[in-house]
Protein backbone atom coordinates (compact mmCIF):
# COMPACT_ATOMS: atom_id res chain seq x y z
CA MET A 1 57.19 160.24 85.05
CA SER A 2 58.56 160.11 88.57
CA LEU A 3 62.30 160.29 89.11
CA ASP A 4 61.80 158.33 92.32
CA ASP A 5 60.35 155.34 90.43
CA LYS A 6 61.88 152.26 92.09
CA ARG A 7 61.04 150.12 89.04
CA ALA A 8 63.23 152.15 86.68
CA GLN A 9 65.80 150.05 84.85
CA ILE A 10 69.23 151.09 83.63
CA SER A 11 68.83 151.70 79.92
CA ALA A 12 72.27 153.04 78.93
CA MET A 13 75.78 153.59 80.28
CA PHE A 14 78.38 156.09 79.11
CA TYR A 15 82.00 156.89 80.00
CA LEU A 16 83.87 160.21 80.01
CA SER A 17 87.60 160.47 80.67
CA ILE A 18 88.38 162.79 83.57
CA ASP A 19 90.86 164.59 81.29
CA ASP A 20 88.10 165.41 78.78
CA ALA A 21 85.44 166.47 81.30
CA ASP A 22 84.34 169.89 82.52
CA ILE A 23 82.95 169.29 86.01
CA ASP A 24 81.14 171.46 88.55
CA ASP A 25 80.73 169.53 91.80
CA CYS A 26 80.43 170.25 95.51
CA LEU A 27 80.89 167.63 98.21
CA GLY A 28 77.62 166.81 99.92
CA VAL A 29 75.40 168.06 97.07
CA SER A 30 73.27 165.39 95.38
CA SER A 31 73.79 166.73 91.84
CA ILE A 32 76.77 167.29 89.56
CA SER A 33 77.23 169.21 86.29
CA VAL A 34 79.40 167.54 83.66
CA SER A 35 80.05 168.37 80.03
CA GLY A 36 82.12 166.50 77.47
CA ASN A 37 81.78 163.81 74.81
CA TRP A 38 80.42 160.73 76.55
CA ILE A 39 81.29 157.31 75.04
CA ASP A 40 78.23 155.04 74.71
CA PHE A 41 78.92 151.43 75.70
CA ASN A 42 75.79 149.96 74.06
CA ILE A 43 75.06 147.72 77.03
CA SER A 44 72.65 144.81 77.08
CA LYS A 45 72.38 144.77 80.87
CA CYS A 46 73.74 146.74 83.79
CA GLU A 47 73.38 146.69 87.55
CA LEU A 48 74.52 149.33 90.04
CA LYS A 49 74.49 148.66 93.79
CA GLU A 50 75.24 151.37 96.33
CA THR A 51 75.19 150.66 100.05
CA ARG A 52 76.22 152.50 103.20
CA SER A 53 76.29 150.48 106.41
CA ALA A 54 75.91 153.48 108.73
CA PRO A 55 75.77 157.29 108.55
CA GLY A 56 79.25 158.70 108.04
CA GLU A 57 80.59 155.45 106.56
CA LEU A 58 81.86 155.20 103.00
CA VAL A 59 79.43 154.17 100.27
CA GLN A 60 80.24 150.81 98.69
CA GLN A 61 79.63 150.97 94.94
CA GLU A 62 79.50 147.94 92.67
CA LEU A 63 78.64 148.02 88.99
CA SER A 64 78.55 145.29 86.39
CA ALA A 65 77.58 145.84 82.75
CA THR A 66 77.62 143.62 79.67
CA CYS A 67 78.30 145.20 76.28
CA THR A 68 76.13 144.35 73.28
CA ASP A 69 79.12 144.31 70.90
CA SER A 70 81.56 141.65 72.12
CA SER A 71 83.94 141.87 69.17
CA GLU A 72 87.69 142.13 69.67
CA ALA A 73 87.62 145.50 67.87
CA ASN A 74 85.10 146.86 70.39
CA GLU A 75 87.13 145.47 73.28
CA SER A 76 90.24 147.24 71.93
CA PHE A 77 88.27 150.48 71.54
CA ILE A 78 86.96 150.27 75.11
CA ARG A 79 90.41 149.52 76.52
CA GLU A 80 91.93 152.41 74.56
CA GLN A 81 89.27 154.95 75.51
CA CYS A 82 88.60 153.85 79.08
CA GLY A 83 91.98 152.74 80.37
CA GLY A 84 92.38 155.63 82.79
CA TYR A 85 90.20 157.46 85.28
CA GLY A 86 86.80 158.84 84.40
CA LEU A 87 83.11 159.20 85.14
CA LEU A 88 80.21 156.88 84.36
CA ARG A 89 76.80 158.21 83.34
CA ILE A 90 73.92 155.87 84.03
CA ASP A 91 70.64 156.56 82.19
CA TYR A 92 67.43 155.07 83.60
CA SER A 93 64.20 154.14 81.83
CA ASN A 94 62.32 156.86 83.75
CA GLY A 95 64.53 159.65 82.31
CA GLU A 96 66.78 159.97 85.37
CA ARG A 97 70.52 160.33 84.75
CA LYS A 98 73.14 159.71 87.42
CA VAL A 99 76.92 160.06 87.50
CA VAL A 100 79.23 157.67 89.31
CA GLY A 101 82.54 159.33 90.18
CA THR A 102 83.70 162.91 90.58
CA ASP A 103 86.79 164.86 89.60
CA LYS A 104 88.26 164.16 93.06
CA ASN A 105 87.17 160.50 93.15
CA PRO A 106 86.91 159.17 89.58
CA VAL A 107 86.16 155.58 88.63
CA GLN A 108 88.48 153.09 86.96
CA LEU A 109 86.78 150.35 84.97
CA SER A 110 87.77 146.72 84.97
CA ILE A 111 87.31 145.22 81.51
CA GLU A 112 86.98 141.47 80.98
CA ARG A 113 86.23 139.42 77.87
CA SER A 114 85.20 135.85 78.64
CA GLY A 115 82.74 133.06 78.01
CA SER A 116 81.40 131.29 74.97
CA PRO A 117 79.98 133.10 73.18
CA ALA A 118 82.36 135.85 74.27
CA ALA A 119 81.00 138.74 76.32
CA ILE A 120 82.66 141.97 77.41
CA THR A 121 81.94 142.80 81.05
CA LEU A 122 82.70 146.22 82.53
CA SER A 123 82.80 146.51 86.29
CA ILE A 124 83.79 148.64 89.24
CA LYS A 125 83.98 147.88 92.94
CA ARG A 126 85.00 150.81 95.08
CA SER A 127 84.38 152.95 98.14
CA SER A 128 83.19 156.53 97.79
CA ALA A 129 82.38 159.35 100.16
CA GLU A 130 79.09 159.92 98.29
CA PHE A 131 76.35 158.07 96.45
CA SER A 132 76.07 158.56 92.69
CA LYS A 133 74.83 162.04 91.83
CA PHE A 134 72.03 163.35 89.64
CA LEU A 135 73.34 164.83 86.40
CA LYS A 136 72.25 168.40 85.75
CA SER A 137 73.02 170.54 82.72
CA PHE A 138 75.50 173.39 82.81
């Protein structure tokens, strides 16, 4: 299984509060070590776009994910657990795992419940000095 497989799909997304994370990261390195209790969002779909217009420019990161459980109880749980700054772990169908955010530049999720039937959408739109990083074990 190739980690460079361009057809890999996002299969899962997790969140870890920056306060609950142990992180080993160096600027400019393509991998990051993170330990902690990740919260599984049970997503039905997710898309991550990362673009850099020119070398040295900031990376524009956009993520949109739809949760499988759209209940009000799940929305309350997500808002309670993910209301601050944290990291996102993105798991791909080819076994690759990437982390969006670092201890110095964490993510903050936007949470929206809308539509009929109701759906919970999690999103970020931000600028970062680096692309998402490969997760490696401590």
